[in-house]
Amino acid sequence: MARHERLTTLLDMLGQREKIDVEDVAVELDVSAATIRRDLDHLAEQQLLTRTRGGAVANDLAYDLPLRYKTARHVPEKQRISAAAAGEVGKGMVVGLNGGTTTAGVARALAMRSDLNSAPGLTVVTNALNIAHELAVRPNVKIVVTGGVARPQSFELSGPLATRVLSELSIDLLFLGVDAFDADAGAFAHHEGEASINRLMVERAERVVAVADGSKLGRRAFARICETTQVHALVTDTDADPEAVRAFEAAGVEVRTV
């Protein structure tokens, strides 16, 4: 297991168990206790957990992993989802992308679409700094960044400045990245500021497509983005729980598994 995968696994364990023991985790991950101690010390330095005698306990940030750790999770699934979602985009469209690893993958997939490299090109509206950076060098992609205050965990911009810009725009197609999506309760984000901006993006879009791997389905997080009825389609992976997929279809969401 690569180190970045191990770090992500340790944070996931803390999110589920609230505390972990060095010796026990070393056995589970089949590495030395010294390696686990070094990993926990590294994560503690970044204030992602609190070290204890013989282990670690979770803090608030352990439930909302920074983007640099999220990128190592469910990579093949996210790549398939991103490629399939990007296929919905046509020339001249105004496309919205909020922050997240899957929506960043959609941005990369759009950048690879040679048919979008000629006029009329594409307009992308985003509140994510990393996505704007990814597409800024593409000559036929017009980038509109919302402005606002950047959140280090996700690179997303939020606040009154972002709200002001989005309230003046119309979006043809929004790809909505979520932290959790439940057929009954709706789409969620971990952070209330991001949820507020994402909610406005949903309201400004003619069509909303949620992009989420199966691990996020049937779950809830802290702040709701929107109701399920405001999402037209969901692109997820083939490992998604069939019962969760049926629940979304029953709620009127078009589900595509890839």
Protein backbone atom coordinates (compact mmCIF):
# COMPACT_ATOMS: atom_id res chain seq x y z
CA MET A 1 0.00 0.00 0.00
CA ALA A 2 1.40 3.40 -1.03
CA ARG A 3 1.84 6.00 1.69
CA HIS A 4 -0.90 8.33 0.44
CA GLU A 5 -3.33 5.39 0.39
CA ARG A 6 -2.29 4.43 3.92
CA LEU A 7 -2.80 7.98 5.18
CA THR A 8 -6.27 8.07 3.65
CA THR A 9 -7.08 4.69 5.19
CA LEU A 10 -5.98 5.88 8.63
CA LEU A 11 -8.22 8.93 8.40
CA ASP A 12 -11.13 6.77 7.25
CA MET A 13 -10.58 4.47 10.22
CA LEU A 14 -10.66 7.43 12.58
CA GLY A 15 -13.82 8.74 10.97
CA GLN A 16 -15.53 5.42 11.62
CA ARG A 17 -14.03 4.47 15.01
CA GLU A 18 -13.11 7.85 16.57
CA LYS A 19 -9.89 6.33 17.97
CA ILE A 20 -7.29 3.82 16.80
CA ASP A 21 -4.42 1.88 18.33
CA VAL A 22 -1.00 1.75 16.67
CA GLU A 23 -0.43 -1.96 17.23
CA ASP A 24 -3.90 -2.98 16.04
CA VAL A 25 -3.72 -0.84 12.90
CA ALA A 26 -0.24 -2.13 12.09
CA VAL A 27 -1.63 -5.67 12.04
CA GLU A 28 -4.65 -4.66 9.93
CA LEU A 29 -2.56 -2.86 7.33
CA ASP A 30 0.32 -5.35 7.47
CA VAL A 31 3.01 -2.73 8.15
CA SER A 32 5.30 -2.05 11.10
CA ALA A 33 4.15 -0.17 14.17
CA ALA A 34 6.96 2.31 13.55
CA THR A 35 5.48 3.11 10.12
CA ILE A 36 2.05 3.74 11.62
CA ARG A 37 3.56 5.99 14.30
CA ARG A 38 5.29 8.08 11.63
CA ASP A 39 2.07 8.31 9.63
CA LEU A 40 0.06 9.41 12.66
CA ASP A 41 2.70 11.97 13.59
CA HIS A 42 2.54 13.36 10.04
CA LEU A 43 -1.26 13.66 10.16
CA ALA A 44 -1.13 15.21 13.63
CA GLU A 45 1.28 17.88 12.38
CA GLN A 46 -1.40 18.87 9.85
CA GLN A 47 -4.03 18.93 12.64
CA LEU A 48 -6.03 16.13 11.04
CA LEU A 49 -6.01 14.05 14.23
CA THR A 50 -4.82 14.14 17.83
CA ARG A 51 -2.07 11.78 18.95
CA THR A 52 -2.57 9.81 22.14
CA ARG A 53 -0.38 7.37 24.03
CA GLY A 54 -0.31 4.35 21.73
CA GLY A 55 -2.60 5.71 19.04
CA ALA A 56 -4.74 8.63 17.93
CA VAL A 57 -8.24 10.09 18.25
CA ALA A 58 -10.31 11.87 15.64
CA ASN A 59 -10.88 15.58 15.51
CA ASP A 60 -13.48 17.47 13.48
CA LEU A 61 -11.37 17.60 10.32
CA ALA A 62 -11.09 13.83 10.15
CA TYR A 63 -14.65 13.70 8.80
CA ASP A 64 -13.91 16.19 6.03
CA LEU A 65 -10.72 15.06 4.35
CA PRO A 66 -8.67 17.66 2.49
CA LEU A 67 -8.73 17.25 -1.27
CA ARG A 68 -5.14 16.00 -1.41
CA TYR A 69 -6.22 12.91 0.56
CA LYS A 70 -9.55 12.41 -1.18
CA THR A 71 -7.83 12.04 -4.55
CA ALA A 72 -6.55 8.58 -3.59
CA ARG A 73 -10.02 7.17 -2.93
CA HIS A 74 -12.09 5.21 -5.49
CA VAL A 75 -9.87 6.40 -8.36
CA PRO A 76 -11.01 3.97 -11.13
CA GLU A 77 -14.67 4.58 -10.32
CA LYS A 78 -14.26 8.36 -10.36
CA GLN A 79 -12.44 8.23 -13.69
CA ARG A 80 -15.28 6.26 -15.29
CA ILE A 81 -17.89 8.58 -13.80
CA SER A 82 -16.02 11.69 -14.96
CA ALA A 83 -15.59 10.43 -18.52
CA ALA A 84 -19.25 9.43 -18.80
CA ALA A 85 -20.47 12.74 -17.39
CA ALA A 86 -18.26 14.80 -19.71
CA GLY A 87 -19.88 13.05 -22.65
CA GLU A 88 -23.09 14.99 -21.97
CA VAL A 89 -21.45 18.31 -22.81
CA GLY A 90 -21.94 19.89 -26.23
CA LYS A 91 -20.31 22.84 -27.98
CA GLY A 92 -21.33 26.27 -26.81
CA MET A 93 -22.79 25.10 -23.53
CA VAL A 94 -22.40 26.87 -20.20
CA VAL A 95 -21.24 24.18 -17.78
CA GLY A 96 -21.12 24.52 -14.00
CA LEU A 97 -18.63 22.61 -11.86
CA ASN A 98 -18.49 22.84 -8.09
CA GLY A 99 -15.50 21.58 -6.14
CA GLY A 100 -14.53 17.95 -5.53
CA THR A 101 -12.36 15.19 -6.90
CA THR A 102 -15.02 13.84 -9.26
CA THR A 103 -15.90 17.22 -10.73
CA ALA A 104 -12.18 17.91 -11.14
CA GLY A 105 -12.10 14.67 -13.12
CA VAL A 106 -14.96 15.96 -15.28
CA ALA A 107 -12.89 19.08 -15.96
CA ARG A 108 -9.93 16.97 -17.07
CA ALA A 109 -12.19 14.85 -19.27
CA LEU A 110 -13.58 17.99 -20.90
CA ALA A 111 -10.06 19.23 -21.52
CA MET A 112 -9.36 16.01 -23.45
CA ARG A 113 -12.39 16.43 -25.73
CA SER A 114 -10.84 17.45 -29.06
CA ASP A 115 -14.28 18.28 -30.49
CA LEU A 116 -14.56 21.12 -27.99
CA ASN A 117 -11.33 22.75 -29.13
CA SER A 118 -12.96 24.74 -31.90
CA ALA A 119 -15.57 27.50 -31.87
CA PRO A 120 -18.00 28.04 -30.24
CA GLY A 121 -16.04 26.31 -27.50
CA LEU A 122 -17.29 26.06 -23.97
CA THR A 123 -17.99 28.28 -20.95
CA VAL A 124 -17.24 26.81 -17.53
CA VAL A 125 -18.54 28.41 -14.35
CA THR A 126 -16.82 27.17 -11.21
CA ASN A 127 -16.16 28.08 -7.61
CA ALA A 128 -13.20 25.70 -7.44
CA LEU A 129 -9.70 27.13 -7.82
CA ASN A 130 -8.13 23.83 -8.88
CA ILE A 131 -10.70 23.37 -11.67
CA ALA A 132 -10.18 26.93 -12.92
CA HIS A 133 -6.42 26.28 -12.97
CA GLU A 134 -6.94 22.99 -14.84
CA LEU A 135 -8.90 24.64 -17.65
CA ALA A 136 -7.39 28.14 -17.80
CA VAL A 137 -4.84 27.19 -20.47
CA ARG A 138 -7.49 25.80 -22.82
CA PRO A 139 -7.95 28.46 -25.53
CA ASN A 140 -11.57 27.61 -26.36
CA VAL A 141 -12.75 27.27 -22.77
CA LYS A 142 -13.99 30.47 -21.22
CA ILE A 143 -13.53 30.29 -17.44
CA VAL A 144 -15.82 32.19 -15.10
CA VAL A 145 -14.68 31.99 -11.46
CA THR A 146 -17.21 33.02 -8.84
CA GLY A 147 -14.88 34.83 -6.48
CA GLY A 148 -15.19 34.51 -2.73
CA VAL A 149 -13.12 33.18 0.14
CA ALA A 150 -11.13 29.99 -0.52
CA ARG A 151 -11.50 27.00 1.78
CA PRO A 152 -8.17 25.09 2.01
CA GLN A 153 -9.73 21.63 2.39
CA SER A 154 -11.55 21.76 -0.95
CA PHE A 155 -10.20 24.80 -2.87
CA GLU A 156 -13.82 25.98 -3.14
CA LEU A 157 -14.75 29.66 -3.00
CA SER A 158 -17.75 30.69 -0.93
CA GLY A 159 -19.29 33.72 0.74
CA PRO A 160 -21.10 36.88 -0.43
CA LEU A 161 -18.81 37.52 -3.40
CA ALA A 162 -19.52 34.09 -4.85
CA THR A 163 -23.22 34.53 -4.25
CA ARG A 164 -23.24 37.88 -6.04
CA VAL A 165 -21.59 36.50 -9.18
CA LEU A 166 -23.72 33.35 -9.38
CA SER A 167 -26.96 35.27 -8.95
CA GLU A 168 -26.26 36.99 -12.28
CA LEU A 169 -25.54 33.83 -14.30
CA SER A 170 -27.47 31.05 -16.01
CA ILE A 171 -26.00 27.54 -16.37
CA ASP A 172 -27.07 25.00 -18.99
CA LEU A 173 -25.63 21.93 -17.27
CA LEU A 174 -24.30 21.62 -13.72
CA PHE A 175 -22.16 18.72 -12.62
CA LEU A 176 -22.72 18.54 -8.88
CA GLY A 177 -20.10 16.91 -6.69
CA VAL A 178 -21.46 15.84 -3.29
CA ASP A 179 -20.15 14.47 0.00
CA ALA A 180 -23.30 12.40 0.48
CA PHE A 181 -26.51 11.76 -1.45
CA ASP A 182 -29.63 10.14 -0.04
CA ALA A 183 -32.72 9.49 -2.15
CA ASP A 184 -35.04 10.66 0.64
CA ALA A 185 -33.03 13.48 2.20
CA GLY A 186 -31.18 14.97 -0.78
CA ALA A 187 -27.60 15.99 -1.60
CA PHE A 188 -25.17 17.08 1.12
CA ALA A 189 -21.82 18.75 1.73
CA HIS A 190 -19.71 18.68 4.87
CA HIS A 191 -19.38 22.47 5.05
CA GLU A 192 -22.35 24.83 5.30
CA GLY A 193 -20.69 27.59 3.23
CA GLU A 194 -20.01 25.23 0.35
CA ALA A 195 -23.53 23.82 0.59
CA SER A 196 -24.96 27.33 0.27
CA ILE A 197 -22.98 28.14 -2.88
CA ASN A 198 -23.68 24.73 -4.38
CA ARG A 199 -27.40 25.24 -3.70
CA LEU A 200 -27.32 28.49 -5.64
CA MET A 201 -25.53 26.77 -8.53
CA VAL A 202 -28.32 24.19 -8.59
CA GLU A 203 -30.93 26.94 -8.69
CA ARG A 204 -29.17 28.68 -11.59
CA ALA A 205 -28.88 25.49 -13.69
CA GLU A 206 -31.31 24.19 -16.28
CA ARG A 207 -30.10 20.60 -15.78
CA VAL A 208 -28.33 19.15 -12.73
CA VAL A 209 -26.28 15.96 -12.92
CA ALA A 210 -24.88 14.61 -9.65
CA VAL A 211 -21.57 12.77 -9.98
CA ALA A 212 -20.84 10.46 -7.06
CA ASP A 213 -19.25 7.07 -6.52
CA GLY A 214 -21.29 4.42 -4.77
CA SER A 215 -19.72 5.02 -1.35
CA LYS A 216 -21.56 8.35 -1.09
CA LEU A 217 -25.04 7.03 -1.84
CA GLY A 218 -27.61 6.42 0.87
CA ARG A 219 -25.69 8.68 3.25
CA ARG A 220 -26.12 12.13 4.78
CA ALA A 221 -23.64 14.81 5.80
CA PHE A 222 -23.83 18.03 7.81
CA ALA A 223 -25.30 20.57 5.38
CA ARG A 224 -27.92 19.92 2.72
CA ILE A 225 -27.30 21.28 -0.76
CA CYS A 226 -30.68 20.53 -2.33
CA GLU A 227 -33.59 18.13 -2.44
CA THR A 228 -33.40 15.02 -4.57
CA THR A 229 -36.15 16.36 -6.82
CA GLN A 230 -33.82 19.18 -7.91
CA VAL A 231 -31.36 16.67 -9.38
CA HIS A 232 -32.23 15.40 -12.84
CA ALA A 233 -29.63 12.65 -13.19
CA LEU A 234 -27.00 10.73 -11.25
CA VAL A 235 -23.84 9.20 -12.69
CA THR A 236 -22.34 6.60 -10.36
CA ASP A 237 -20.32 3.39 -10.55
CA THR A 238 -21.44 -0.19 -11.03
CA ASP A 239 -20.50 -1.08 -7.42
CA ALA A 240 -23.22 1.21 -6.08
CA ASP A 241 -25.77 -0.52 -3.84
CA PRO A 242 -28.62 -1.67 -6.13
CA GLU A 243 -31.16 -0.77 -3.46
CA ALA A 244 -29.83 2.80 -3.34
CA VAL A 245 -29.96 3.02 -7.13
CA ARG A 246 -33.58 1.84 -7.16
CA ALA A 247 -34.45 4.43 -4.51
CA PHE A 248 -33.11 7.24 -6.70
CA GLU A 249 -34.96 5.92 -9.74
CA ALA A 250 -38.16 5.75 -7.71
CA ALA A 251 -37.59 9.41 -6.78
CA GLY A 252 -37.52 10.34 -10.47
CA VAL A 253 -33.73 10.61 -10.90
CA GLU A 254 -32.25 9.20 -14.07
CA VAL A 255 -29.41 6.92 -12.91
CA ARG A 256 -26.47 5.91 -15.07
CA THR A 257 -23.97 3.36 -13.74
CA VAL A 258 -20.55 3.07 -15.38
